[in-house]
């Protein structure tokens, strides 16, 4: 495994008709820049504020998915964790592809 996030989702979105697709790593960077202080609802709002209501995310391989699924995807891939206070933080062992580092 090369450290990239890949995804399997049970649905496919036609990306030919979508202009607002970002890499899921952008959400990781957004969380990092905010000092890991958002709740799940606040994260979805911050994503919409940053990139618009219609933003979708893709990974190194896989289909695009809506902003509402970004947190579940990152939790499933052990990129983020939820604290006891319900705040989102980066997983201590989280790594990303070298090609996507800021």
C-alpha atoms as a PDB file:
ATOM      1  CA  UNK A   1       0.000   0.000   0.000  1.00  0.00           C
ATOM      2  CA  UNK A   2       1.339   3.412  -0.948  1.00  0.00           C
ATOM      3  CA  UNK A   3      -0.255   5.392   1.887  1.00  0.00           C
ATOM      4  CA  UNK A   4      -2.915   6.906  -0.366  1.00  0.00           C
ATOM      5  CA  UNK A   5      -6.525   6.780   0.658  1.00  0.00           C
ATOM      6  CA  UNK A   6      -8.627   4.559  -1.557  1.00  0.00           C
ATOM      7  CA  UNK A   7     -12.338   4.154  -1.346  1.00  0.00           C
ATOM      8  CA  UNK A   8     -15.109   1.720  -2.033  1.00  0.00           C
ATOM      9  CA  UNK A   9     -18.547   3.202  -1.850  1.00  0.00           C
ATOM     10  CA  UNK A  10     -21.721   1.342  -2.783  1.00  0.00           C
ATOM     11  CA  UNK A  11     -22.798   4.022  -5.253  1.00  0.00           C
ATOM     12  CA  UNK A  12     -21.296   5.861  -8.180  1.00  0.00           C
ATOM     13  CA  UNK A  13     -21.644   9.531  -8.977  1.00  0.00           C
ATOM     14  CA  UNK A  14     -21.281  10.686 -12.561  1.00  0.00           C
ATOM     15  CA  UNK A  15     -18.293  13.000 -12.253  1.00  0.00           C
ATOM     16  CA  UNK A  16     -18.611  14.279 -15.840  1.00  0.00           C
ATOM     17  CA  UNK A  17     -21.394  16.606 -14.676  1.00  0.00           C
ATOM     18  CA  UNK A  18     -19.558  17.800 -11.564  1.00  0.00           C
ATOM     19  CA  UNK A  19     -17.181  20.745 -11.467  1.00  0.00           C
ATOM     20  CA  UNK A  20     -16.595  20.914  -7.726  1.00  0.00           C
ATOM     21  CA  UNK A  21     -14.538  17.871  -6.771  1.00  0.00           C
ATOM     22  CA  UNK A  22     -11.683  18.093  -4.279  1.00  0.00           C
ATOM     23  CA  UNK A  23      -9.299  15.474  -2.966  1.00  0.00           C
ATOM     24  CA  UNK A  24     -10.265  14.133   0.471  1.00  0.00           C
ATOM     25  CA  UNK A  25      -6.873  15.235   1.754  1.00  0.00           C
ATOM     26  CA  UNK A  26      -8.174  18.809   1.560  1.00  0.00           C
ATOM     27  CA  UNK A  27     -10.538  17.955   4.431  1.00  0.00           C
ATOM     28  CA  UNK A  28      -7.605  16.611   6.454  1.00  0.00           C
ATOM     29  CA  UNK A  29      -5.731  19.873   5.868  1.00  0.00           C
ATOM     30  CA  UNK A  30      -8.842  21.864   6.829  1.00  0.00           C
ATOM     31  CA  UNK A  31      -9.127  19.941  10.112  1.00  0.00           C
ATOM     32  CA  UNK A  32      -5.423  20.429  10.772  1.00  0.00           C
ATOM     33  CA  UNK A  33      -5.600  24.192  10.123  1.00  0.00           C
ATOM     34  CA  UNK A  34      -8.538  24.525  12.521  1.00  0.00           C
ATOM     35  CA  UNK A  35      -6.605  22.950  15.388  1.00  0.00           C
ATOM     36  CA  UNK A  36      -8.977  19.989  15.447  1.00  0.00           C
ATOM     37  CA  UNK A  37     -11.813  21.791  17.219  1.00  0.00           C
ATOM     38  CA  UNK A  38     -14.924  21.027  15.122  1.00  0.00           C
ATOM     39  CA  UNK A  39     -17.854  18.765  15.855  1.00  0.00           C
ATOM     40  CA  UNK A  40     -19.089  16.625  12.948  1.00  0.00           C
ATOM     41  CA  UNK A  41     -21.856  19.123  12.121  1.00  0.00           C
ATOM     42  CA  UNK A  42     -19.423  22.038  12.273  1.00  0.00           C
ATOM     43  CA  UNK A  43     -17.068  20.190   9.915  1.00  0.00           C
ATOM     44  CA  UNK A  44     -19.777  19.754   7.276  1.00  0.00           C
ATOM     45  CA  UNK A  45     -20.590  23.472   7.600  1.00  0.00           C
ATOM     46  CA  UNK A  46     -16.893  24.396   7.324  1.00  0.00           C
ATOM     47  CA  UNK A  47     -16.528  22.226   4.212  1.00  0.00           C
ATOM     48  CA  UNK A  48     -19.522  23.987   2.626  1.00  0.00           C
ATOM     49  CA  UNK A  49     -18.087  27.391   3.583  1.00  0.00           C
ATOM     50  CA  UNK A  50     -14.704  26.502   2.102  1.00  0.00           C
ATOM     51  CA  UNK A  51     -15.783  24.843  -1.157  1.00  0.00           C
ATOM     52  CA  UNK A  52     -19.540  25.232  -1.566  1.00  0.00           C
ATOM     53  CA  UNK A  53     -22.649  23.191  -0.847  1.00  0.00           C
ATOM     54  CA  UNK A  54     -22.145  21.038  -3.944  1.00  0.00           C
ATOM     55  CA  UNK A  55     -18.575  19.904  -3.232  1.00  0.00           C
ATOM     56  CA  UNK A  56     -17.731  16.219  -3.560  1.00  0.00           C
ATOM     57  CA  UNK A  57     -14.538  14.438  -2.614  1.00  0.00           C
ATOM     58  CA  UNK A  58     -12.460  11.795  -4.270  1.00  0.00           C
ATOM     59  CA  UNK A  59      -9.486   9.781  -3.111  1.00  0.00           C
ATOM     60  CA  UNK A  60      -6.384   8.344  -4.773  1.00  0.00           C
ATOM     61  CA  UNK A  61      -8.683   5.779  -6.333  1.00  0.00           C
ATOM     62  CA  UNK A  62     -12.428   5.505  -6.227  1.00  0.00           C
ATOM     63  CA  UNK A  63     -15.582   7.458  -6.847  1.00  0.00           C
ATOM     64  CA  UNK A  64     -16.510  10.943  -5.715  1.00  0.00           C
ATOM     65  CA  UNK A  65     -18.750  11.233  -2.668  1.00  0.00           C
ATOM     66  CA  UNK A  66     -20.651  14.143  -1.058  1.00  0.00           C
ATOM     67  CA  UNK A  67     -19.341  16.312   1.784  1.00  0.00           C
ATOM     68  CA  UNK A  68     -21.736  14.654   4.219  1.00  0.00           C
ATOM     69  CA  UNK A  69     -19.777  11.388   3.800  1.00  0.00           C
ATOM     70  CA  UNK A  70     -16.293  12.886   4.269  1.00  0.00           C
ATOM     71  CA  UNK A  71     -16.110  12.332   8.032  1.00  0.00           C
ATOM     72  CA  UNK A  72     -17.326   8.731   7.853  1.00  0.00           C
ATOM     73  CA  UNK A  73     -14.772   8.049   5.136  1.00  0.00           C
ATOM     74  CA  UNK A  74     -11.934   9.550   7.207  1.00  0.00           C
ATOM     75  CA  UNK A  75     -13.034   7.690  10.355  1.00  0.00           C
ATOM     76  CA  UNK A  76     -13.240   4.402   8.447  1.00  0.00           C
ATOM     77  CA  UNK A  77      -9.720   4.924   7.080  1.00  0.00           C
ATOM     78  CA  UNK A  78      -8.321   5.880  10.526  1.00  0.00           C
ATOM     79  CA  UNK A  79      -7.355   9.359   9.368  1.00  0.00           C
ATOM     80  CA  UNK A  80      -9.349  11.124  12.103  1.00  0.00           C
ATOM     81  CA  UNK A  81     -10.824  10.308  15.514  1.00  0.00           C
ATOM     82  CA  UNK A  82     -13.622  11.716  17.637  1.00  0.00           C
ATOM     83  CA  UNK A  83     -12.706  12.868  21.137  1.00  0.00           C
ATOM     84  CA  UNK A  84     -14.833  12.220  24.206  1.00  0.00           C
ATOM     85  CA  UNK A  85     -16.034  15.818  23.786  1.00  0.00           C
ATOM     86  CA  UNK A  86     -17.251  15.028  20.268  1.00  0.00           C
ATOM     87  CA  UNK A  87     -14.502  16.992  18.515  1.00  0.00           C
ATOM     88  CA  UNK A  88     -12.724  15.770  15.385  1.00  0.00           C
ATOM     89  CA  UNK A  89      -8.965  15.309  15.575  1.00  0.00           C
ATOM     90  CA  UNK A  90      -6.301  13.809  13.376  1.00  0.00           C
ATOM     91  CA  UNK A  91      -5.530  10.188  14.155  1.00  0.00           C
ATOM     92  CA  UNK A  92      -2.096   9.970  15.861  1.00  0.00           C
ATOM     93  CA  UNK A  93      -0.798   7.525  13.248  1.00  0.00           C
ATOM     94  CA  UNK A  94      -2.417   9.255  10.252  1.00  0.00           C
ATOM     95  CA  UNK A  95      -0.318   9.416   7.094  1.00  0.00           C
ATOM     96  CA  UNK A  96      -1.080  10.716   3.623  1.00  0.00           C
ATOM     97  CA  UNK A  97       0.534  10.388   0.222  1.00  0.00           C
ATOM     98  CA  UNK A  98       3.671  12.459  -0.310  1.00  0.00           C
ATOM     99  CA  UNK A  99       2.101  13.865  -3.471  1.00  0.00           C
ATOM    100  CA  UNK A 100      -0.677  15.492  -1.468  1.00  0.00           C
ATOM    101  CA  UNK A 101       1.236  17.099   1.394  1.00  0.00           C
ATOM    102  CA  UNK A 102       1.041  20.857   1.737  1.00  0.00           C
END
